[in-house]
Amino acid sequence: MVRTALRVILEAEPDLEVVGEAGSGAEVVPLVRSLAPDVVLMDVRMPEIDGIRATERILATMAAPPRIVVVTTFENDSYVYEALRAGAAGFLLKRADPDELIGAVRLVGRGDSLLFPAAVRSLAALYAPAAYAPAPHSGPPHSAAGPLGVAPWVARLTDREADVLRLIATGLSNHEMSEHLGVGPQTIKTHVAAVLAKTGSRDRTQAVIAAYEGGFLMRKH
């Protein structure tokens, strides 16, 4: 029923075409490989293989993988967080209205990330692993891995790159960051590319996840 509703909504748009459907995680991966869609709406909870594993397999095995948006009933779901960590470009609630659905598909289809800053912060607070949690003060304040509680890549960010990562986490676009920082759009693109490279991220969503997990941003509700 959900797939039928999604198809009806999307196919009513002249610039969108639904090229395939799958009823289980096991069906998704070979179908995506054969059809090569631009965007995949991926349920996080599916029989046989869940949306997290399916997302991982698609991104790991395709030279030019599609952009993946996970679809979920509850936004504070550990499955959603794991899917974002796996490389999904964002998530969408099943109760989203048609305009939100269409806008999300178009947004990720043109290469942007579907970021909801408050929701990502809440997910990070609930589910981010404490890989870089501050350790008891029982030794020198710094180690080979960087300051206690901070991932090594944090120290490699320039001041401007750090500013850009904070703004990415608030959901600003390149144009909005350009205006906020008073620099040209191409300069912002350069900084964003550097942030993605230094955090080892595929896109902005993964960079924001890395920022919380790496101790760059505080995990507060």
Foldseek 3Di string as FASTA:
>chain_A
DLVVVLQVLQVVDPVGDDDDDDQFLVVPQVVCVVPVDQEEEAEQDGPPDGRLVSLLCQVVPDPDGHAYEYEYQDLLDLSQVSNLLSPHLYYYYSPDDSVVSNVQCVQVSVPHGDDDLVSNLQNCLVHQDQPQCADPPDDDQADPQGGRSAGNLVVVQDPVLLVLLVVLSNVDDLVRVCVVVVHDSVVSVVSLVVLCVSLVHPHSSNSNSSCPNRNVDDRDD
